[in-house]
Each structure stands twice: as C-alpha cells, then as structure tokens.
C-alpha cells in the first residue's frame, strides 16, 4: 500500500509537470520579424515609415507608379513613382525624396519588373510581375526598403508602368 501511494504521487507529479509544459509552450523572441497588415518588418533598429503622396509634377512622360494595393492605387494614394529613366520619388520617414534609379528592367520585357534605387540612407528594391495589359502595364509585386541603420520593410505593391 505504501508503495502504491508513492507510485501514484510520483505519477501525478510527472503528469502535472507535462500538462504545465503543454499549456505554456516556450516562446522564442529571437527573431526580429513581425507581420502587420501584409507588411513584413525586420527591424533591429527603427522601422521605415512609408507615406503616400500625390503623383509627382516632375514626371512628364513615361513612368511607373505604385500603391500598397489596388484600392489605394485607384484612390491615387501612391507610395512610389519614377520617370522610367533616372529618378524615383518616395515619401520615407516623413520626407519626400527624389532618388537615383541605379538599375531598371527594360520596358520591352513587359512580363517582369525590377528596379533598384539607392542613396546614402536607403536601398530600395521593386519587384513585380505583369497581371494585366491595358493602356499601360499593370503590375503586382513587392517593395523592399533597407535603411542604413539596418531596418528592413517589405510590402506588397500594385500599380502601372507606361508612356
């Protein structure tokens, strides 16, 4: 009888410990990645603030311009625009910027879109795939911004390129 009580007590102790581990699994907070509203932020430092702006008056002819989604695009809430040649426009961290295009895919290859923009504070990559061909080429893709302090943000984009 004495051994039954010891065995039963040991069994309950082990069973309770396993239940406690199953109820409260360990949470690892070693990743600096968080997802919020389809935007992925990997930020060891401060995040990048991306604001909307009206279509740039500096752009006169061919251009590419994007919003976060189709609804914002139709409402003209742009987060990126370029003149398809040498200058890209964005509003980052509260400042409207004119940035130099480092590389851009050829407009004749209208299936995919690739652009690289860089200055002393930001490195920006635009990647897209054609989803429609109307008067202009409609693209969906991603915009990735890397800040000099290490903050990275990736967000979906929707927009068009054309002349």
N, C-alpha and C. Protein backbone atom coordinates (compact mmCIF):
# COMPACT_ATOMS: atom_id res chain seq x y z
N UNK A 1 0.83 -1.19 0.00
CA UNK A 1 0.00 0.00 0.00
C UNK A 1 0.87 1.25 0.00
N UNK A 2 1.90 1.22 0.81
CA UNK A 2 2.82 2.34 0.91
C UNK A 2 3.46 2.63 -0.45
N UNK A 3 3.84 1.55 -1.17
CA UNK A 3 4.46 1.71 -2.48
C UNK A 3 3.46 2.23 -3.52
N UNK A 4 2.21 1.86 -3.37
CA UNK A 4 1.16 2.37 -4.26
C UNK A 4 0.99 3.87 -4.11
N UNK A 5 1.01 4.36 -2.89
CA UNK A 5 0.87 5.80 -2.64
C UNK A 5 2.06 6.55 -3.21
N UNK A 6 3.27 6.03 -3.01
CA UNK A 6 4.48 6.68 -3.56
C UNK A 6 4.42 6.67 -5.08
N UNK A 7 4.08 5.53 -5.69
CA UNK A 7 4.00 5.42 -7.13
C UNK A 7 2.93 6.36 -7.68
N UNK A 8 1.75 6.41 -7.08
CA UNK A 8 0.67 7.28 -7.52
C UNK A 8 1.06 8.75 -7.41
N UNK A 9 1.74 9.12 -6.31
CA UNK A 9 2.19 10.51 -6.11
C UNK A 9 3.21 10.90 -7.17
N UNK A 10 4.15 10.00 -7.46
CA UNK A 10 5.16 10.27 -8.49
C UNK A 10 4.49 10.41 -9.86
N UNK A 11 3.52 9.54 -10.13
CA UNK A 11 2.79 9.60 -11.40
C UNK A 11 2.08 10.94 -11.55
N UNK A 12 1.40 11.42 -10.50
CA UNK A 12 0.70 12.71 -10.56
C UNK A 12 1.67 13.86 -10.74
N UNK A 13 2.80 13.80 -10.07
CA UNK A 13 3.80 14.85 -10.19
C UNK A 13 4.31 14.96 -11.63
N UNK A 14 4.61 13.84 -12.24
CA UNK A 14 5.09 13.83 -13.62
C UNK A 14 3.99 14.27 -14.56
N UNK A 15 2.78 13.79 -14.37
CA UNK A 15 1.65 14.15 -15.24
C UNK A 15 1.35 15.64 -15.16
N UNK A 16 1.38 16.20 -13.97
CA UNK A 16 1.11 17.63 -13.80
C UNK A 16 2.19 18.47 -14.48
N UNK A 17 3.44 18.03 -14.38
CA UNK A 17 4.54 18.76 -15.00
C UNK A 17 4.39 18.76 -16.52
N UNK A 18 4.02 17.63 -17.12
CA UNK A 18 3.83 17.56 -18.57
C UNK A 18 2.67 18.42 -19.02
N UNK A 19 1.56 18.44 -18.27
CA UNK A 19 0.41 19.30 -18.61
C UNK A 19 0.82 20.75 -18.57
N UNK A 20 1.61 21.14 -17.59
CA UNK A 20 2.04 22.53 -17.46
C UNK A 20 2.89 22.93 -18.66
N UNK A 21 3.76 22.03 -19.14
CA UNK A 21 4.58 22.32 -20.31
C UNK A 21 3.72 22.41 -21.56
N UNK A 22 2.70 21.58 -21.68
CA UNK A 22 1.83 21.62 -22.85
C UNK A 22 0.99 22.88 -22.87
N UNK A 23 0.59 23.38 -21.71
CA UNK A 23 -0.24 24.58 -21.64
C UNK A 23 0.56 25.82 -21.95
N UNK A 24 1.77 25.91 -21.45
CA UNK A 24 2.57 27.11 -21.69
C UNK A 24 3.83 26.75 -22.46
N UNK A 25 3.71 26.64 -23.81
CA UNK A 25 4.88 26.32 -24.61
C UNK A 25 5.88 27.46 -24.55
N UNK A 26 7.12 27.12 -24.78
CA UNK A 26 8.14 28.17 -24.71
C UNK A 26 7.99 29.09 -25.91
N UNK A 27 8.17 30.36 -25.70
CA UNK A 27 8.06 31.37 -26.73
C UNK A 27 9.46 31.92 -26.97
N UNK A 28 9.90 31.82 -28.22
CA UNK A 28 11.23 32.32 -28.56
C UNK A 28 11.09 33.71 -29.16
N UNK A 29 11.80 34.65 -28.63
CA UNK A 29 11.73 36.02 -29.13
C UNK A 29 13.07 36.41 -29.74
N UNK A 30 13.71 35.44 -30.43
CA UNK A 30 15.00 35.73 -31.01
C UNK A 30 14.89 36.28 -32.43
N UNK A 31 13.71 36.29 -33.01
CA UNK A 31 13.52 36.81 -34.35
C UNK A 31 13.04 38.25 -34.29
N UNK A 32 13.54 39.07 -35.19
CA UNK A 32 13.12 40.46 -35.24
C UNK A 32 12.13 40.68 -36.37
N UNK A 33 11.38 39.64 -36.72
CA UNK A 33 10.41 39.73 -37.80
C UNK A 33 9.01 39.79 -37.22
N UNK A 34 8.23 40.78 -37.67
CA UNK A 34 6.83 40.85 -37.29
C UNK A 34 6.01 41.15 -38.53
N UNK A 35 4.79 40.66 -38.58
CA UNK A 35 3.93 40.88 -39.73
C UNK A 35 2.74 41.69 -39.28
N UNK A 36 2.43 42.78 -40.04
CA UNK A 36 1.31 43.65 -39.71
C UNK A 36 0.70 44.15 -41.00
N UNK A 37 -0.55 43.81 -41.24
CA UNK A 37 -1.30 44.30 -42.40
C UNK A 37 -0.53 44.08 -43.71
N UNK A 38 -0.09 42.85 -43.95
CA UNK A 38 0.61 42.46 -45.17
C UNK A 38 1.96 43.14 -45.34
N UNK A 39 2.47 43.74 -44.31
CA UNK A 39 3.78 44.37 -44.37
C UNK A 39 4.71 43.62 -43.43
N UNK A 40 5.84 43.17 -43.94
CA UNK A 40 6.81 42.47 -43.11
C UNK A 40 7.90 43.43 -42.71
N UNK A 41 8.16 43.50 -41.41
CA UNK A 41 9.19 44.39 -40.90
C UNK A 41 10.25 43.55 -40.21
N UNK A 42 11.49 43.69 -40.63
CA UNK A 42 12.61 43.07 -39.96
C UNK A 42 13.46 44.22 -39.46
N UNK A 43 13.41 44.46 -38.16
CA UNK A 43 13.97 45.71 -37.69
C UNK A 43 14.83 45.56 -36.44
N UNK A 44 16.14 45.51 -36.62
CA UNK A 44 16.99 45.55 -35.45
C UNK A 44 17.10 46.97 -34.92
N UNK A 45 16.75 47.92 -35.74
CA UNK A 45 16.80 49.33 -35.33
C UNK A 45 15.40 49.91 -35.47
N UNK A 46 15.29 51.09 -35.99
CA UNK A 46 13.99 51.74 -36.14
C UNK A 46 13.33 51.30 -37.43
N UNK A 47 12.00 51.35 -37.47
CA UNK A 47 11.29 50.96 -38.69
C UNK A 47 11.32 52.08 -39.71
N UNK A 48 10.93 51.75 -40.92
CA UNK A 48 10.87 52.71 -42.01
C UNK A 48 9.42 53.12 -42.17
N UNK A 49 9.17 54.41 -42.17
CA UNK A 49 7.82 54.93 -42.36
C UNK A 49 7.62 55.27 -43.84
N UNK A 50 6.64 54.63 -44.48
CA UNK A 50 6.35 54.86 -45.89
C UNK A 50 5.01 55.58 -45.97
N UNK A 51 5.03 56.80 -46.52
CA UNK A 51 3.81 57.61 -46.61
C UNK A 51 3.35 57.74 -48.06
N UNK A 52 2.06 58.03 -48.23
CA UNK A 52 1.50 58.26 -49.56
C UNK A 52 1.77 59.71 -49.97
N UNK A 53 1.75 59.94 -51.28
CA UNK A 53 1.97 61.28 -51.81
C UNK A 53 1.25 61.40 -53.16
N UNK A 54 0.98 62.62 -53.63
CA UNK A 54 0.35 62.78 -54.94
C UNK A 54 1.35 62.49 -56.05
N UNK A 55 0.85 62.25 -57.25
CA UNK A 55 1.72 61.98 -58.39
C UNK A 55 2.69 63.15 -58.59
N UNK A 56 3.98 62.88 -58.71
CA UNK A 56 4.99 63.95 -58.83
C UNK A 56 4.82 64.79 -60.10
N UNK A 57 4.85 66.10 -59.94
CA UNK A 57 4.74 67.01 -61.07
C UNK A 57 5.96 66.95 -61.98
N UNK A 58 7.08 66.48 -61.43
CA UNK A 58 8.32 66.39 -62.20
C UNK A 58 8.24 65.35 -63.31
N UNK A 59 7.36 64.38 -63.19
CA UNK A 59 7.24 63.31 -64.19
C UNK A 59 6.32 63.80 -65.30
N UNK A 60 6.87 63.84 -66.53
CA UNK A 60 6.13 64.38 -67.67
C UNK A 60 5.69 63.32 -68.68
N UNK A 61 6.46 62.24 -68.84
CA UNK A 61 6.15 61.26 -69.87
C UNK A 61 6.03 59.87 -69.29
N UNK A 62 6.90 58.97 -69.70
CA UNK A 62 6.85 57.57 -69.25
C UNK A 62 7.08 57.51 -67.74
N UNK A 63 6.39 56.56 -67.11
CA UNK A 63 6.53 56.45 -65.66
C UNK A 63 6.04 55.10 -65.15
N UNK A 64 6.45 54.80 -63.93
CA UNK A 64 5.91 53.68 -63.16
C UNK A 64 5.47 54.26 -61.83
N UNK A 65 4.30 53.86 -61.36
CA UNK A 65 3.85 54.34 -60.06
C UNK A 65 3.00 53.28 -59.39
N UNK A 66 3.19 53.18 -58.06
CA UNK A 66 2.61 52.08 -57.30
C UNK A 66 1.99 52.57 -56.00
N UNK A 67 1.00 51.81 -55.56
CA UNK A 67 0.37 52.00 -54.25
C UNK A 67 0.50 50.67 -53.50
N UNK A 68 0.02 50.64 -52.26
CA UNK A 68 0.11 49.42 -51.45
C UNK A 68 -0.83 48.32 -51.95
N UNK A 69 -1.93 48.71 -52.60
CA UNK A 69 -2.89 47.73 -53.10
C UNK A 69 -3.73 48.38 -54.21
N UNK A 70 -4.61 47.61 -54.82
CA UNK A 70 -5.42 48.11 -55.92
C UNK A 70 -6.34 49.25 -55.49
N UNK A 71 -6.95 49.12 -54.32
CA UNK A 71 -7.85 50.15 -53.81
C UNK A 71 -7.12 51.48 -53.63
N UNK A 72 -5.95 51.44 -53.00
CA UNK A 72 -5.16 52.67 -52.83
C UNK A 72 -4.72 53.23 -54.18
N UNK A 73 -4.39 52.34 -55.13
CA UNK A 73 -3.98 52.79 -56.46
C UNK A 73 -5.12 53.55 -57.14
N UNK A 74 -6.31 52.99 -57.07
CA UNK A 74 -7.47 53.66 -57.68
C UNK A 74 -7.81 54.96 -56.97
N UNK A 75 -7.43 55.08 -55.70
CA UNK A 75 -7.64 56.33 -54.94
C UNK A 75 -6.45 57.28 -55.05
N UNK A 76 -5.48 56.92 -55.90
CA UNK A 76 -4.27 57.73 -56.14
C UNK A 76 -3.46 57.97 -54.87
N UNK A 77 -3.35 56.95 -54.03
CA UNK A 77 -2.52 57.01 -52.81
C UNK A 77 -1.21 56.30 -53.10
N UNK A 78 -0.32 56.98 -53.82
CA UNK A 78 0.92 56.37 -54.29
C UNK A 78 1.99 56.35 -53.19
N UNK A 79 2.79 55.28 -53.20
CA UNK A 79 3.93 55.20 -52.29
C UNK A 79 5.25 55.20 -53.06
N UNK A 80 5.17 55.06 -54.39
CA UNK A 80 6.37 55.04 -55.23
C UNK A 80 6.00 55.55 -56.62
N UNK A 81 6.90 56.32 -57.22
CA UNK A 81 6.75 56.74 -58.61
C UNK A 81 8.13 56.97 -59.18
N UNK A 82 8.30 56.67 -60.47
CA UNK A 82 9.56 57.00 -61.13
C UNK A 82 9.29 57.45 -62.56
N UNK A 83 10.29 58.10 -63.16
CA UNK A 83 10.15 58.62 -64.51
C UNK A 83 10.61 57.62 -65.57
N UNK A 84 10.78 56.35 -65.18
CA UNK A 84 11.20 55.27 -66.06
C UNK A 84 12.58 55.52 -66.67
N UNK A 85 13.32 56.45 -66.13
CA UNK A 85 14.64 56.74 -66.68
C UNK A 85 15.71 56.82 -65.59
N UNK A 86 15.60 57.85 -64.72
CA UNK A 86 16.68 58.03 -63.76
C UNK A 86 16.27 58.45 -62.36
N UNK A 87 15.03 58.87 -62.13
CA UNK A 87 14.65 59.38 -60.81
C UNK A 87 13.40 58.68 -60.28
N UNK A 88 13.47 58.28 -59.01
CA UNK A 88 12.33 57.68 -58.32
C UNK A 88 11.93 58.61 -57.19
N UNK A 89 10.63 58.63 -56.88
CA UNK A 89 10.10 59.50 -55.83
C UNK A 89 9.38 58.66 -54.77
N UNK A 90 9.67 58.96 -53.51
CA UNK A 90 9.00 58.30 -52.39
C UNK A 90 8.93 59.29 -51.23
N UNK A 91 8.06 58.99 -50.29
CA UNK A 91 8.00 59.77 -49.06
C UNK A 91 8.32 58.79 -47.92
N UNK A 92 9.55 58.90 -47.42
CA UNK A 92 10.05 57.98 -46.39
C UNK A 92 10.39 58.74 -45.12
N UNK A 93 9.95 58.19 -44.01
CA UNK A 93 10.22 58.79 -42.70
C UNK A 93 9.83 60.27 -42.66
N UNK A 94 8.71 60.59 -43.32
CA UNK A 94 8.17 61.94 -43.29
C UNK A 94 8.79 62.91 -44.28
N UNK A 95 9.74 62.45 -45.12
CA UNK A 95 10.41 63.34 -46.08
C UNK A 95 10.17 62.86 -47.50
N UNK A 96 9.77 63.80 -48.38
CA UNK A 96 9.62 63.47 -49.80
C UNK A 96 11.02 63.45 -50.41
N UNK A 97 11.35 62.34 -51.07
CA UNK A 97 12.70 62.17 -51.61
C UNK A 97 12.67 61.94 -53.12
N UNK A 98 13.67 62.49 -53.80
CA UNK A 98 13.94 62.18 -55.20
C UNK A 98 15.22 61.35 -55.17
N UNK A 99 15.12 60.09 -55.60
CA UNK A 99 16.23 59.14 -55.51
C UNK A 99 16.69 58.73 -56.90
N UNK A 100 17.96 58.42 -57.02
CA UNK A 100 18.50 57.97 -58.30
C UNK A 100 18.22 56.50 -58.53
N UNK A 101 17.67 56.18 -59.72
CA UNK A 101 17.49 54.79 -60.12
C UNK A 101 18.87 54.23 -60.47
N UNK A 102 19.26 53.15 -59.82
CA UNK A 102 20.54 52.51 -60.10
C UNK A 102 20.39 51.56 -61.29
N UNK A 103 19.32 50.77 -61.28
CA UNK A 103 19.04 49.87 -62.40
C UNK A 103 17.54 49.68 -62.53
N UNK A 104 17.13 49.40 -63.76
CA UNK A 104 15.71 49.20 -64.04
C UNK A 104 15.59 48.21 -65.18
N UNK A 105 14.62 47.29 -65.07
CA UNK A 105 14.41 46.32 -66.14
C UNK A 105 13.95 47.06 -67.40
N UNK A 106 14.24 46.48 -68.52
CA UNK A 106 13.89 47.04 -69.81
C UNK A 106 12.37 47.03 -69.97
N UNK A 107 11.79 48.15 -70.34
CA UNK A 107 10.33 48.24 -70.51
C UNK A 107 9.83 47.31 -71.61
N UNK A 108 10.71 46.85 -72.52
CA UNK A 108 10.28 45.96 -73.58
C UNK A 108 10.02 44.55 -73.04
N UNK A 109 10.70 44.18 -71.96
CA UNK A 109 10.39 42.91 -71.29
C UNK A 109 9.27 43.21 -70.32
N UNK A 110 8.04 43.16 -70.80
CA UNK A 110 6.90 43.63 -70.01
C UNK A 110 6.28 42.58 -69.10
N UNK A 111 6.91 41.41 -68.93
CA UNK A 111 6.35 40.38 -68.05
C UNK A 111 6.78 40.59 -66.59
N UNK A 112 8.02 41.02 -66.39
CA UNK A 112 8.54 41.23 -65.04
C UNK A 112 9.11 42.64 -64.92
N UNK A 113 9.12 43.10 -63.71
CA UNK A 113 9.61 44.44 -63.42
C UNK A 113 10.65 44.32 -62.32
N UNK A 114 11.77 45.01 -62.48
CA UNK A 114 12.81 45.01 -61.46
C UNK A 114 13.49 46.37 -61.46
N UNK A 115 13.55 46.99 -60.29
CA UNK A 115 14.18 48.30 -60.15
C UNK A 115 14.99 48.32 -58.87
N UNK A 116 16.13 48.98 -58.92
CA UNK A 116 16.99 49.15 -57.74
C UNK A 116 17.25 50.65 -57.57
N UNK A 117 17.02 51.14 -56.38
CA UNK A 117 17.20 52.55 -56.06
C UNK A 117 18.05 52.62 -54.81
N UNK A 118 18.97 53.59 -54.77
CA UNK A 118 19.85 53.66 -53.62
C UNK A 118 20.33 55.08 -53.39
N UNK A 119 20.46 55.45 -52.11
CA UNK A 119 21.17 56.67 -51.73
C UNK A 119 21.89 56.38 -50.43
N UNK A 120 22.41 57.40 -49.77
CA UNK A 120 23.19 57.17 -48.54
C UNK A 120 22.34 56.64 -47.38
N UNK A 121 21.02 56.82 -47.41
CA UNK A 121 20.16 56.40 -46.31
C UNK A 121 19.29 55.18 -46.59
N UNK A 122 19.01 54.89 -47.85
CA UNK A 122 18.07 53.82 -48.20
C UNK A 122 18.56 53.01 -49.39
N UNK A 123 18.21 51.73 -49.37
CA UNK A 123 18.41 50.84 -50.51
C UNK A 123 17.03 50.25 -50.80
N UNK A 124 16.50 50.48 -51.99
CA UNK A 124 15.12 50.12 -52.32
C UNK A 124 15.11 49.18 -53.51
N UNK A 125 14.28 48.16 -53.42
CA UNK A 125 14.13 47.19 -54.50
C UNK A 125 12.64 47.07 -54.83
N UNK A 126 12.32 47.17 -56.12
CA UNK A 126 10.96 47.00 -56.60
C UNK A 126 10.96 45.77 -57.51
N UNK A 127 10.11 44.79 -57.19
CA UNK A 127 9.99 43.58 -57.99
C UNK A 127 8.52 43.38 -58.31
N UNK A 128 8.21 43.10 -59.55
CA UNK A 128 6.81 42.91 -59.92
C UNK A 128 6.63 41.97 -61.09
N UNK A 129 5.40 41.53 -61.25
CA UNK A 129 5.02 40.65 -62.34
C UNK A 129 3.76 41.23 -62.99
N UNK A 130 3.74 41.21 -64.32
CA UNK A 130 2.59 41.77 -65.04
C UNK A 130 1.34 40.95 -64.75
N UNK A 131 0.25 41.64 -64.41
CA UNK A 131 -1.03 40.96 -64.18
C UNK A 131 -2.06 41.34 -65.23
N UNK A 132 -1.86 42.46 -65.92
CA UNK A 132 -2.81 42.92 -66.93
C UNK A 132 -2.11 43.86 -67.91
N UNK A 133 -2.60 43.88 -69.12
CA UNK A 133 -2.11 44.84 -70.11
C UNK A 133 -3.31 45.62 -70.62
N UNK A 134 -3.40 46.85 -70.18
CA UNK A 134 -4.47 47.74 -70.65
C UNK A 134 -3.78 48.82 -71.48
N UNK A 135 -4.09 50.08 -71.24
CA UNK A 135 -3.35 51.15 -71.89
C UNK A 135 -1.90 51.15 -71.40
N UNK A 136 -1.73 50.79 -70.15
CA UNK A 136 -0.41 50.66 -69.55
C UNK A 136 -0.28 49.23 -69.03
N UNK A 137 0.90 48.88 -68.56
CA UNK A 137 1.14 47.56 -67.99
C UNK A 137 0.83 47.60 -66.50
N UNK A 138 -0.01 46.70 -66.02
CA UNK A 138 -0.38 46.64 -64.60
C UNK A 138 0.48 45.56 -63.94
N UNK A 139 1.10 45.94 -62.82
CA UNK A 139 1.98 45.03 -62.11
C UNK A 139 1.55 44.86 -60.66
N UNK A 140 1.83 43.66 -60.12
CA UNK A 140 1.74 43.39 -58.69
C UNK A 140 3.11 42.87 -58.28
N UNK A 141 3.53 43.23 -57.07
CA UNK A 141 4.84 42.76 -56.64
C UNK A 141 5.14 43.19 -55.22
N UNK A 142 6.42 43.41 -54.97
CA UNK A 142 6.85 43.82 -53.63
C UNK A 142 7.83 44.99 -53.72
N UNK A 143 7.81 45.77 -52.68
CA UNK A 143 8.74 46.88 -52.50
C UNK A 143 9.49 46.60 -51.21
N UNK A 144 10.81 46.55 -51.29
CA UNK A 144 11.63 46.31 -50.12
C UNK A 144 12.52 47.52 -49.89
N UNK A 145 12.50 48.01 -48.66
CA UNK A 145 13.30 49.17 -48.29
C UNK A 145 14.23 48.77 -47.15
N UNK A 146 15.52 49.01 -47.35
CA UNK A 146 16.50 48.76 -46.30
C UNK A 146 17.11 50.11 -45.92
N UNK A 147 17.00 50.43 -44.65
CA UNK A 147 17.52 51.68 -44.13
C UNK A 147 18.99 51.48 -43.74
N UNK A 148 19.77 52.53 -43.74
CA UNK A 148 21.19 52.44 -43.40
C UNK A 148 21.41 51.88 -42.01
N UNK A 149 20.46 52.10 -41.08
CA UNK A 149 20.62 51.60 -39.71
C UNK A 149 20.24 50.12 -39.57
N UNK A 150 19.87 49.47 -40.69
CA UNK A 150 19.56 48.05 -40.66
C UNK A 150 18.08 47.71 -40.70
N UNK A 151 17.20 48.68 -40.54
CA UNK A 151 15.76 48.41 -40.60
C UNK A 151 15.39 47.99 -42.02
N UNK A 152 14.53 46.98 -42.13
CA UNK A 152 14.07 46.48 -43.43
C UNK A 152 12.55 46.37 -43.39
N UNK A 153 11.91 46.81 -44.47
CA UNK A 153 10.47 46.65 -44.59
C UNK A 153 10.17 46.15 -45.99
N UNK A 154 9.26 45.18 -46.08
CA UNK A 154 8.81 44.65 -47.36
C UNK A 154 7.30 44.74 -47.38
N UNK A 155 6.76 45.28 -48.47
CA UNK A 155 5.31 45.44 -48.58
C UNK A 155 4.85 45.12 -49.99
N UNK A 156 3.59 44.70 -50.12
CA UNK A 156 3.05 44.46 -51.45
C UNK A 156 2.80 45.77 -52.18
N UNK A 157 2.88 45.74 -53.50
CA UNK A 157 2.59 46.93 -54.31
C UNK A 157 1.69 46.53 -55.48
N UNK A 158 0.97 47.53 -55.98
CA UNK A 158 0.11 47.37 -57.15
C UNK A 158 0.19 48.67 -57.92
N UNK A 159 0.41 48.59 -59.22
CA UNK A 159 0.49 49.84 -59.99
C UNK A 159 0.73 49.58 -61.46
N UNK A 160 1.16 50.64 -62.13
CA UNK A 160 1.33 50.53 -63.58
C UNK A 160 2.57 51.24 -64.07
N UNK A 161 3.00 50.81 -65.25
CA UNK A 161 4.10 51.44 -65.98
C UNK A 161 3.62 51.68 -67.39
N UNK A 162 3.98 52.82 -67.92
CA UNK A 162 3.60 53.12 -69.30
C UNK A 162 4.00 54.51 -69.71
N UNK A 163 3.72 54.80 -70.98
CA UNK A 163 4.04 56.12 -71.53
C UNK A 163 2.78 56.82 -71.99
